[in-house]
């Protein structure tokens, strides 16, 4: 159970990081 929670937690953070990076790229690309 702890391992599953840890994996889900990491996956959640990973998804948030990807979303943040995409937002940063979008803002930088926009004039």
Protein backbone atom coordinates (compact mmCIF):
# COMPACT_ATOMS: atom_id res chain seq x y z
CA UNK A 1 0.00 0.00 0.00
CA UNK A 2 2.77 2.48 0.92
CA UNK A 3 4.56 1.75 -2.35
CA UNK A 4 1.38 2.40 -4.35
CA UNK A 5 0.78 5.68 -2.52
CA UNK A 6 4.37 6.72 -3.14
CA UNK A 7 4.11 5.91 -6.86
CA UNK A 8 0.79 7.75 -7.20
CA UNK A 9 2.26 10.72 -5.32
CA UNK A 10 5.32 10.84 -7.59
CA UNK A 11 3.10 10.50 -10.67
CA UNK A 12 0.96 13.39 -9.42
CA UNK A 13 4.01 15.63 -8.89
CA UNK A 14 5.44 14.55 -12.26
CA UNK A 15 2.19 15.49 -14.01
CA UNK A 16 2.13 18.88 -12.24
CA UNK A 17 5.73 19.56 -13.27
CA UNK A 18 4.93 18.73 -16.92
CA UNK A 19 1.87 21.00 -16.76
CA UNK A 20 3.95 23.84 -15.25
CA UNK A 21 6.69 23.43 -17.87
CA UNK A 22 4.06 23.53 -20.64
CA UNK A 23 2.58 26.71 -19.17
CA UNK A 24 6.00 28.35 -18.94
CA UNK A 25 6.79 27.46 -22.57
CA UNK A 26 3.41 28.81 -23.66
CA UNK A 27 3.93 32.13 -21.84
CA UNK A 28 7.48 32.47 -23.19
CA UNK A 29 6.37 31.67 -26.76
CA UNK A 30 3.49 34.17 -26.66
CA UNK A 31 4.49 37.77 -27.46
